[in-house]
Structure formats: structure tokens, C-alpha cells
Amino acid sequence: MNAIRVLVVDDAAVVRRQVSLLLGTDPGLEVVATAPNGRIALAKVEQFQPDVVLLDLEMPELDGLETLKLLRQRAPELPVVMFSALTERAGVLTLEALALGARDYVTKPTSAGGMNVTVEAVRDELVRKLKALHVRTPPCAPIVAPVPRESLLRPRAPARVEVIVIGASTGGPGALVRVVSALPAGLPVPVLIVQHMPPLFTRLLAERLQGVTPLTVREAVSGASVRAGEVWVAPGDFHLAVCRDATGVRLFTHQGPAENACRPAVDLLFRSAAEVYGAGVLAVVLTGMGQDGLRGCRRVNEAGGQVVVQDQASCVIGSMPGAVEQAGLADAVVSLDALAPELARRVDARGRRTGA
């Protein structure tokens, strides 16, 4: 198999050099060119025809966002991974880049240890994401023997939906905007979201989602009451769970051990929701890398709840929903554009309470 050809674009010479050395140690990757700004990068895309572009956000002459816009016009299918600092400004720009068509992002940790620490921190994530975005292979090794989709979808007796829980990873921010923006204003159940993102970015994501929906969207806070028509986003580096007390259902955030190398983890939220709401859970797995959500969907299934997953064709990376579908846990496999209507239909069709 030929190595994946990477173009590294960053205005800092030390970053270009160190990242090139890092990627060059993996036999599956080849840095074919580097560029200090977007204008030169566009020329090198034409010249070297890379498979993936690693693109810095803030650069002279032509910054990352403007470069991305031009790349989407000239090479709409070329995967682009943003390389951004973990700052408020960079977070806003990164979410804008994802909305413009960037497939994913990797953050540059700030550390007194300098670039060597940065290289160590991004090594696994960067290599993994560049490879996953280039090769759109089957989502995972089959968990059960392949059978026609119709046989994988499980018939369900009607059950009252009390909560919608959503898990997403790679490609998730853009998918969440499209789903949440299309949910009805009078949604009679709460929505809880786990998106694999670092701290700060999750708050900015919640703010972005609030801008596209009449529903109330906030980053989750421990102790907050869960009410209908509210959307809660798990904070970066904290798990999100729910618990029931004498006053109702409340949020619980904590920094317990990572699951599936993730914190927040989709599995943990789904398990918690199944314990509190039982058959009233409507679980949704969107685009993402890995299998976070698979065990949680199994728990939702055992509790009598429903599971809906995004279809492979509309995913940036289909590993997460594909694992659930392949395991026979999906009640429906739906395109991204059809997800919000499907969720609204399932809430309305099953009967519901007007509160949590």
C-alpha cells in the first residue's frame, strides 16, 4: 500500500520541521511538501497532489480559513485537518473551519517544555487522524457475520421517549449543528450530547449550537436539573452522567477514568441514561472514529430503549455508528439530513411527558 501523501502548512519553521520529522517516522505517511502560508500551500496542492493537508489557522498573507475556502472550491474532496492552538480565538476559528468543510482538527498544546512536548502530545492523534481521513475503509472489523441491513434493524414496540442522548466524534461538530438546528422548537424532552473535544472547545460548541436553535443550549454543569427543551453538551475532559433524586433528574460531571481513551465518553453517558430513564432513552450515534458508544448502545438496548445511527454515506468517518449498526443494535440507520425529523417523529409517535 502506498504511503499517504501529506502537505504540512504552518508559518512556523520549527513546527513544519518537527511535524515533518514526526510524520516521517511512520511508514504509512510521507510528507511530500511544506508551506509557510496559504498562498504557497495552494500552489503546492496543485504541484504535489497530496492526499491530506495539515493546515495551520493563523498565518500571514493567506490564513487557514481563507485557504480552506479556496481548497474547498478547487479540491472539494481533499481531506483537511486543522492544526490549531488551544486558545479561545483558535477554538472559534477551528469551529468555523469545521463548518467550512475541514474534516478534523488537532490542537497544539501550550507547554513550557517547548516543541518537543508538543510533538509528543500530538503524535498518536495526528497520525491516527491523517490515516483515518484518507482511507475510507469499512468502519470496523465485523462484530457479527455480515447480513443484510434489514436483518440488523430490530423491530420495537412503542415506548415513551423521555430523553435524547447523542454521541459524536470526528465530523461531529458540523453534524450536530445540522441536527440540533432542525429539531422542533417545542421539543418535549431534554437532549444530552457527548462530543469528543477538549476543554474550551466544548463551551464554544455549545455557544455555536445555541446560535442555530430556539432550544436552550449550554455546557453541562454538575447539579443542573434536566428539563424538556434543553440541550446540554458535556464539558471537555469531564464525563457527563445523569442521576435521579427526590427533585428529579440532575446532571453529574466528573473526571473518572477515560473510557475508550475518551473523556467525555459516549458509553458512560448512554449507560447512565439507561439506568435513569430505562426504556425512555433514544440514543443517537453520529459520525466518529473508534467504537465509543457501542457498549452504551448495548445497555440502552437491554433497557428497552431505542437506538438511531447516522448512515455511512453521510459520515466523515463511520466507525462509531458503523460498529453499532454491525452489532445489530440499531433501530434505524438514517442520513444526516433525515436525523432530526426521525428523532422528532420518534418522540411524538411514542407519547411523552412534558418534562424530565
Protein backbone atom coordinates (compact mmCIF):
# COMPACT_ATOMS: atom_id res chain seq x y z
CA MET A 1 0.00 0.00 0.00
CA ASN A 2 1.35 3.44 -0.96
CA ALA A 3 2.14 5.91 1.81
CA ILE A 4 -0.38 8.70 2.43
CA ARG A 5 0.98 11.94 0.95
CA VAL A 6 0.76 14.85 3.39
CA LEU A 7 1.19 18.59 2.87
CA VAL A 8 2.15 20.42 6.09
CA VAL A 9 1.18 24.12 6.17
CA ASP A 10 2.36 26.27 9.09
CA ASP A 11 4.02 29.67 9.30
CA ALA A 12 6.48 28.50 11.99
CA ALA A 13 9.55 26.82 10.52
CA VAL A 14 10.16 24.82 13.70
CA VAL A 15 6.64 23.39 13.56
CA ARG A 16 6.99 22.43 9.88
CA ARG A 17 10.31 20.75 10.57
CA GLN A 18 9.30 18.89 13.72
CA VAL A 19 5.92 17.74 12.37
CA SER A 20 7.58 16.57 9.15
CA LEU A 21 10.09 14.56 11.17
CA LEU A 22 7.29 13.14 13.30
CA LEU A 23 5.18 12.03 10.36
CA GLY A 24 8.24 10.74 8.52
CA THR A 25 8.79 8.12 11.23
CA ASP A 26 5.55 6.37 10.22
CA PRO A 27 5.94 4.20 7.10
CA GLY A 28 2.32 4.82 6.21
CA LEU A 29 2.84 8.58 5.85
CA GLU A 30 5.01 10.71 3.58
CA VAL A 31 5.38 14.49 3.84
CA VAL A 32 5.62 15.49 0.17
CA ALA A 33 5.86 19.24 0.79
CA THR A 34 5.58 22.03 3.35
CA ALA A 35 4.38 25.62 3.06
CA PRO A 36 4.64 28.72 5.31
CA ASN A 37 1.31 30.25 4.26
CA GLY A 38 -1.89 29.52 2.39
CA ARG A 39 -0.89 31.11 -0.89
CA ILE A 40 2.13 28.84 -1.25
CA ALA A 41 0.09 25.90 0.02
CA LEU A 42 -2.46 26.27 -2.78
CA ALA A 43 0.33 26.16 -5.36
CA LYS A 44 1.84 23.08 -3.73
CA VAL A 45 -1.51 21.29 -3.69
CA GLU A 46 -1.55 21.69 -7.48
CA GLN A 47 2.08 20.65 -7.79
CA PHE A 48 2.27 17.68 -5.40
CA GLN A 49 -1.36 16.42 -5.29
CA PRO A 50 -1.29 15.45 -1.58
CA ASP A 51 -3.78 13.00 -0.09
CA VAL A 52 -4.26 15.05 3.12
CA VAL A 53 -3.46 18.63 4.15
CA LEU A 54 -2.46 19.60 7.70
CA LEU A 55 -3.35 23.31 7.85
CA ASP A 56 -2.42 25.94 10.44
CA LEU A 57 -5.09 28.53 11.26
CA GLU A 58 -3.19 31.76 11.78
CA MET A 59 -0.68 32.58 9.02
CA PRO A 60 0.46 35.66 7.10
CA GLU A 61 -0.67 36.51 3.54
CA LEU A 62 -3.45 33.92 3.43
CA ASP A 63 -4.67 32.43 6.70
CA GLY A 64 -6.11 28.99 7.33
CA LEU A 65 -9.79 29.88 6.88
CA GLU A 66 -9.27 31.69 3.57
CA THR A 67 -7.03 28.87 2.37
CA LEU A 68 -9.66 26.32 3.34
CA LYS A 69 -12.37 28.20 1.43
CA LEU A 70 -10.23 28.15 -1.73
CA LEU A 71 -9.32 24.49 -1.24
CA ARG A 72 -12.98 23.54 -0.96
CA GLN A 73 -13.57 25.24 -4.32
CA ARG A 74 -10.55 23.71 -6.08
CA ALA A 75 -10.38 20.28 -4.41
CA PRO A 76 -13.67 19.71 -2.55
CA GLU A 77 -12.85 16.10 -1.60
CA LEU A 78 -9.31 16.72 -0.32
CA PRO A 79 -9.29 16.00 3.44
CA VAL A 80 -8.04 18.93 5.53
CA VAL A 81 -7.05 18.69 9.21
CA MET A 82 -6.72 22.00 11.06
CA PHE A 83 -3.71 22.46 13.34
CA SER A 84 -4.77 24.96 16.00
CA ALA A 85 -3.70 26.35 19.34
CA LEU A 86 -5.79 25.64 22.43
CA THR A 87 -7.00 29.24 22.86
CA GLU A 88 -10.38 30.97 22.75
CA ARG A 89 -9.65 32.63 19.41
CA ALA A 90 -8.28 29.43 17.90
CA GLY A 91 -11.28 27.49 19.18
CA VAL A 92 -13.71 29.87 17.47
CA LEU A 93 -11.71 29.70 14.25
CA THR A 94 -11.48 25.91 14.42
CA LEU A 95 -15.25 25.53 14.70
CA GLU A 96 -15.61 27.91 11.77
CA ALA A 97 -13.14 25.79 9.80
CA LEU A 98 -15.12 22.63 10.56
CA ALA A 99 -18.27 24.41 9.36
CA LEU A 100 -16.44 25.32 6.13
CA GLY A 101 -15.54 21.71 5.43
CA ALA A 102 -12.39 20.81 7.37
CA ARG A 103 -12.66 17.15 8.30
CA ASP A 104 -10.99 17.32 11.72
CA TYR A 105 -8.52 19.21 13.89
CA VAL A 106 -5.55 18.59 16.17
CA THR A 107 -4.66 21.07 18.91
CA LYS A 108 -1.18 22.37 19.63
CA PRO A 109 -0.73 22.11 23.41
CA THR A 110 0.96 25.10 25.03
CA SER A 111 3.77 23.98 27.32
CA ALA A 112 6.93 25.30 28.88
CA GLY A 113 8.54 22.16 27.52
CA GLY A 114 8.52 23.63 24.03
CA MET A 115 8.08 21.93 20.70
CA ASN A 116 9.36 18.54 21.83
CA VAL A 117 6.46 18.32 24.29
CA THR A 118 4.08 19.38 21.53
CA VAL A 119 5.35 16.65 19.22
CA GLU A 120 4.90 14.01 21.91
CA ALA A 121 1.40 15.26 22.70
CA VAL A 122 0.13 15.18 19.10
CA ARG A 123 1.95 12.11 17.82
CA ASP A 124 -0.69 9.42 18.17
CA GLU A 125 -3.66 11.67 17.48
CA LEU A 126 -2.16 13.27 14.39
CA VAL A 127 -1.03 10.03 12.76
CA ARG A 128 -4.31 8.30 13.57
CA LYS A 129 -6.46 11.10 12.16
CA LEU A 130 -4.46 11.60 8.98
CA LYS A 131 -4.68 7.90 8.21
CA ALA A 132 -8.37 7.59 9.05
CA LEU A 133 -9.38 10.58 6.94
CA HIS A 134 -7.51 9.40 3.86
CA VAL A 135 -8.70 5.80 3.82
CA ARG A 136 -12.48 5.42 3.86
CA THR A 137 -12.45 1.72 4.63
CA PRO A 138 -15.23 -0.34 6.21
CA PRO A 139 -15.95 1.16 9.64
CA CYS A 140 -14.61 -1.70 11.71
CA ALA A 141 -13.98 -5.39 11.71
CA PRO A 142 -17.35 -7.13 11.64
CA ILE A 143 -18.63 -7.81 15.13
CA VAL A 144 -21.19 -10.23 13.80
CA ALA A 145 -21.31 -12.05 10.49
CA PRO A 146 -22.37 -9.57 7.77
CA VAL A 147 -26.06 -9.81 6.99
CA PRO A 148 -28.43 -7.59 5.01
CA ARG A 149 -29.25 -4.29 6.74
CA GLU A 150 -32.93 -5.19 7.03
CA SER A 151 -31.95 -8.08 9.28
CA LEU A 152 -29.87 -5.83 11.51
CA LEU A 153 -32.67 -3.38 12.29
CA ARG A 154 -34.64 -4.52 15.32
CA PRO A 155 -38.43 -4.11 15.48
CA ARG A 156 -39.59 -2.17 18.53
CA ALA A 157 -42.81 -1.89 20.47
CA PRO A 158 -43.82 1.73 21.15
CA ALA A 159 -42.11 3.26 24.18
CA ARG A 160 -42.34 6.73 25.63
CA VAL A 161 -39.24 8.80 24.83
CA GLU A 162 -38.03 10.75 27.85
CA VAL A 163 -34.55 11.83 26.78
CA ILE A 164 -32.38 12.01 23.65
CA VAL A 165 -28.69 11.23 24.14
CA ILE A 166 -26.22 11.89 21.32
CA GLY A 167 -22.62 10.77 20.85
CA ALA A 168 -20.22 12.09 18.20
CA SER A 169 -16.53 12.41 17.42
CA THR A 170 -14.76 13.15 14.11
CA GLY A 171 -17.08 15.24 11.97
CA GLY A 172 -19.42 15.68 14.92
CA PRO A 173 -19.48 19.49 15.31
CA GLY A 174 -20.83 20.01 11.81
CA ALA A 175 -23.26 17.10 12.14
CA LEU A 176 -24.53 18.42 15.48
CA VAL A 177 -25.21 21.86 14.00
CA ARG A 178 -27.33 20.28 11.29
CA VAL A 179 -29.23 18.01 13.67
CA VAL A 180 -29.81 20.46 16.53
CA SER A 181 -30.77 23.32 14.20
CA ALA A 182 -33.51 21.14 12.70
CA LEU A 183 -35.06 19.96 15.97
CA PRO A 184 -38.51 21.48 16.65
CA ALA A 185 -38.75 24.48 18.98
CA GLY A 186 -41.24 22.69 21.23
CA LEU A 187 -39.16 19.55 21.71
CA PRO A 188 -40.74 17.96 24.80
CA VAL A 189 -37.66 16.08 26.00
CA PRO A 190 -34.10 17.07 27.02
CA VAL A 191 -31.06 16.40 24.81
CA LEU A 192 -27.66 15.38 26.23
CA ILE A 193 -24.58 15.44 23.99
CA VAL A 194 -21.09 13.99 24.21
CA GLN A 195 -18.76 15.32 21.53
CA HIS A 196 -15.11 14.30 21.77
CA MET A 197 -13.47 17.71 22.23
CA PRO A 198 -11.01 19.33 24.64
CA PRO A 199 -11.95 21.92 27.29
CA LEU A 200 -12.87 25.36 25.96
CA PHE A 201 -13.88 23.90 22.59
CA THR A 202 -16.97 22.28 24.13
CA ARG A 203 -18.15 25.61 25.55
CA LEU A 204 -17.64 27.24 22.17
CA LEU A 205 -19.55 24.38 20.54
CA ALA A 206 -22.47 24.91 22.93
CA GLU A 207 -22.47 28.60 22.08
CA ARG A 208 -22.42 27.79 18.37
CA LEU A 209 -25.34 25.39 18.75
CA GLN A 210 -27.30 27.99 20.74
CA GLY A 211 -26.97 30.28 17.74
CA VAL A 212 -28.81 27.88 15.42
CA THR A 213 -31.74 26.70 17.57
CA PRO A 214 -34.54 28.17 19.69
CA LEU A 215 -33.83 25.42 22.24
CA THR A 216 -31.65 26.35 25.23
CA VAL A 217 -28.09 25.01 24.77
CA ARG A 218 -25.44 25.08 27.48
CA GLU A 219 -22.26 23.34 28.53
CA ALA A 220 -23.18 20.84 31.24
CA VAL A 221 -22.73 21.76 34.91
CA SER A 222 -22.95 19.28 37.78
CA GLY A 223 -26.18 19.55 39.73
CA ALA A 224 -28.18 21.24 36.99
CA SER A 225 -31.76 20.00 36.61
CA VAL A 226 -32.58 18.21 33.34
CA ARG A 227 -35.66 19.72 31.71
CA ALA A 228 -37.51 19.34 28.43
CA GLY A 229 -36.38 21.60 25.60
CA GLU A 230 -32.87 21.99 26.99
CA VAL A 231 -29.67 20.79 25.30
CA TRP A 232 -26.58 20.03 27.40
CA VAL A 233 -23.07 19.50 25.98
CA ALA A 234 -20.54 17.51 28.05
CA PRO A 235 -17.57 19.71 29.04
CA GLY A 236 -14.18 18.78 27.68
CA ASP A 237 -12.15 16.45 29.94
CA PHE A 238 -15.26 15.66 32.05
CA HIS A 239 -17.62 12.73 31.76
CA LEU A 240 -21.33 13.54 31.69
CA ALA A 241 -23.89 11.40 33.51
CA VAL A 242 -27.39 11.77 34.92
CA CYS A 243 -28.81 10.79 38.30
CA ARG A 244 -32.29 10.91 39.80
CA ASP A 245 -33.08 12.31 43.23
CA ALA A 246 -36.24 13.42 45.03
CA THR A 247 -36.46 16.59 42.92
CA GLY A 248 -35.98 14.95 39.50
CA VAL A 249 -33.11 14.19 37.15
CA ARG A 250 -29.84 16.08 37.50
CA LEU A 251 -26.56 16.27 35.63
CA PHE A 252 -23.36 14.88 37.10
CA THR A 253 -19.95 15.70 35.61
CA HIS A 254 -16.74 14.10 36.83
CA GLN A 255 -13.18 13.24 35.88
CA GLY A 256 -13.30 9.49 36.33
CA PRO A 257 -11.03 7.25 34.24
CA ALA A 258 -11.22 7.70 30.48
CA GLU A 259 -13.23 5.11 28.55
CA ASN A 260 -12.25 4.15 25.01
CA ALA A 261 -9.38 6.63 25.56
CA CYS A 262 -12.05 9.36 25.79
CA ARG A 263 -13.23 11.80 28.43
CA PRO A 264 -16.05 12.64 27.97
CA ALA A 265 -17.12 9.20 26.80
CA VAL A 266 -20.32 8.37 24.92
CA ASP A 267 -20.54 4.94 26.58
CA LEU A 268 -20.68 6.44 30.06
CA LEU A 269 -23.47 8.89 29.20
CA PHE A 270 -25.53 6.20 27.45
CA ARG A 271 -25.16 3.76 30.37
CA SER A 272 -26.15 6.43 32.85
CA ALA A 273 -29.19 7.43 30.80
CA ALA A 274 -30.29 3.78 30.52
CA GLU A 275 -30.06 3.40 34.30
CA VAL A 276 -32.14 6.53 34.97
CA TYR A 277 -34.63 6.54 32.09
CA GLY A 278 -34.77 2.84 31.14
CA ALA A 279 -36.85 2.30 28.00
CA GLY A 280 -37.33 6.07 27.70
CA VAL A 281 -33.87 6.56 26.16
CA LEU A 282 -33.48 7.49 22.50
CA ALA A 283 -29.75 7.10 21.77
CA VAL A 284 -28.14 8.59 18.67
CA VAL A 285 -24.63 7.81 17.37
CA LEU A 286 -23.21 10.25 14.83
CA THR A 287 -20.04 10.29 12.74
CA GLY A 288 -16.83 9.43 14.56
CA MET A 289 -13.68 7.35 14.80
CA GLY A 290 -13.46 4.29 17.04
CA GLN A 291 -16.22 2.43 18.85
CA ASP A 292 -17.21 4.73 21.72
CA GLY A 293 -20.96 4.33 22.13
CA LEU A 294 -21.12 0.65 21.21
CA ARG A 295 -21.28 -0.68 24.78
CA GLY A 296 -23.57 2.15 25.79
CA CYS A 297 -25.98 1.31 22.97
CA ARG A 298 -25.98 -2.29 24.14
CA ARG A 299 -27.04 -1.09 27.60
CA VAL A 300 -29.77 1.11 26.07
CA ASN A 301 -30.94 -1.92 24.10
CA GLU A 302 -31.06 -4.08 27.22
CA ALA A 303 -33.10 -1.41 29.00
CA GLY A 304 -35.64 -1.38 26.17
CA GLY A 305 -34.63 1.99 24.71
CA GLN A 306 -34.17 2.94 21.07
CA VAL A 307 -31.01 3.45 19.02
CA VAL A 308 -30.65 5.50 15.84
CA VAL A 309 -27.35 5.83 13.95
CA GLN A 310 -26.09 8.03 11.14
CA ASP A 311 -25.57 6.21 7.85
CA GLN A 312 -22.09 5.62 6.45
CA ALA A 313 -22.60 7.73 3.32
CA SER A 314 -23.13 10.96 5.30
CA CYS A 315 -20.37 10.36 7.89
CA VAL A 316 -16.92 11.94 7.82
CA ILE A 317 -15.75 8.72 9.48
CA GLY A 318 -18.32 5.98 10.06
CA SER A 319 -16.61 3.81 12.66
CA MET A 320 -18.76 4.74 15.65
CA PRO A 321 -22.22 4.38 14.07
CA GLY A 322 -20.98 1.52 11.92
CA ALA A 323 -19.95 -0.51 14.96
CA VAL A 324 -23.43 -0.11 16.46
CA GLU A 325 -25.15 -1.00 13.20
CA GLN A 326 -22.91 -4.00 12.63
CA ALA A 327 -23.67 -5.29 16.13
CA GLY A 328 -27.38 -5.33 15.32
CA LEU A 329 -28.23 -2.66 17.89
CA ALA A 330 -29.71 -0.01 15.56
CA ASP A 331 -33.44 0.54 15.27
CA ALA A 332 -32.81 2.87 12.32
CA VAL A 333 -29.90 3.88 10.09
CA VAL A 334 -30.57 7.40 8.83
CA SER A 335 -28.83 10.01 6.68
CA LEU A 336 -27.64 13.16 8.42
CA ASP A 337 -30.31 15.36 6.86
CA ALA A 338 -33.06 12.94 7.90
CA LEU A 339 -31.92 12.54 11.52
CA ALA A 340 -33.74 15.47 13.14
CA PRO A 341 -37.10 14.59 11.53
CA GLU A 342 -36.59 10.96 12.56
CA LEU A 343 -35.90 11.94 16.17
CA ALA A 344 -38.89 14.28 16.28
CA ARG A 345 -41.09 11.54 14.82
CA ARG A 346 -39.95 9.01 17.41
CA VAL A 347 -40.56 11.44 20.26
CA ASP A 348 -44.04 12.32 19.00
CA ALA A 349 -45.03 8.81 17.92
CA ARG A 350 -44.22 7.18 21.26
CA GLY A 351 -46.01 9.61 23.56
CA ARG A 352 -44.02 11.63 26.06
CA ARG A 353 -44.03 13.68 29.21
CA THR A 354 -43.73 17.46 29.05
CA GLY A 355 -40.85 17.46 31.50
CA ALA A 356 -37.94 15.35 32.62
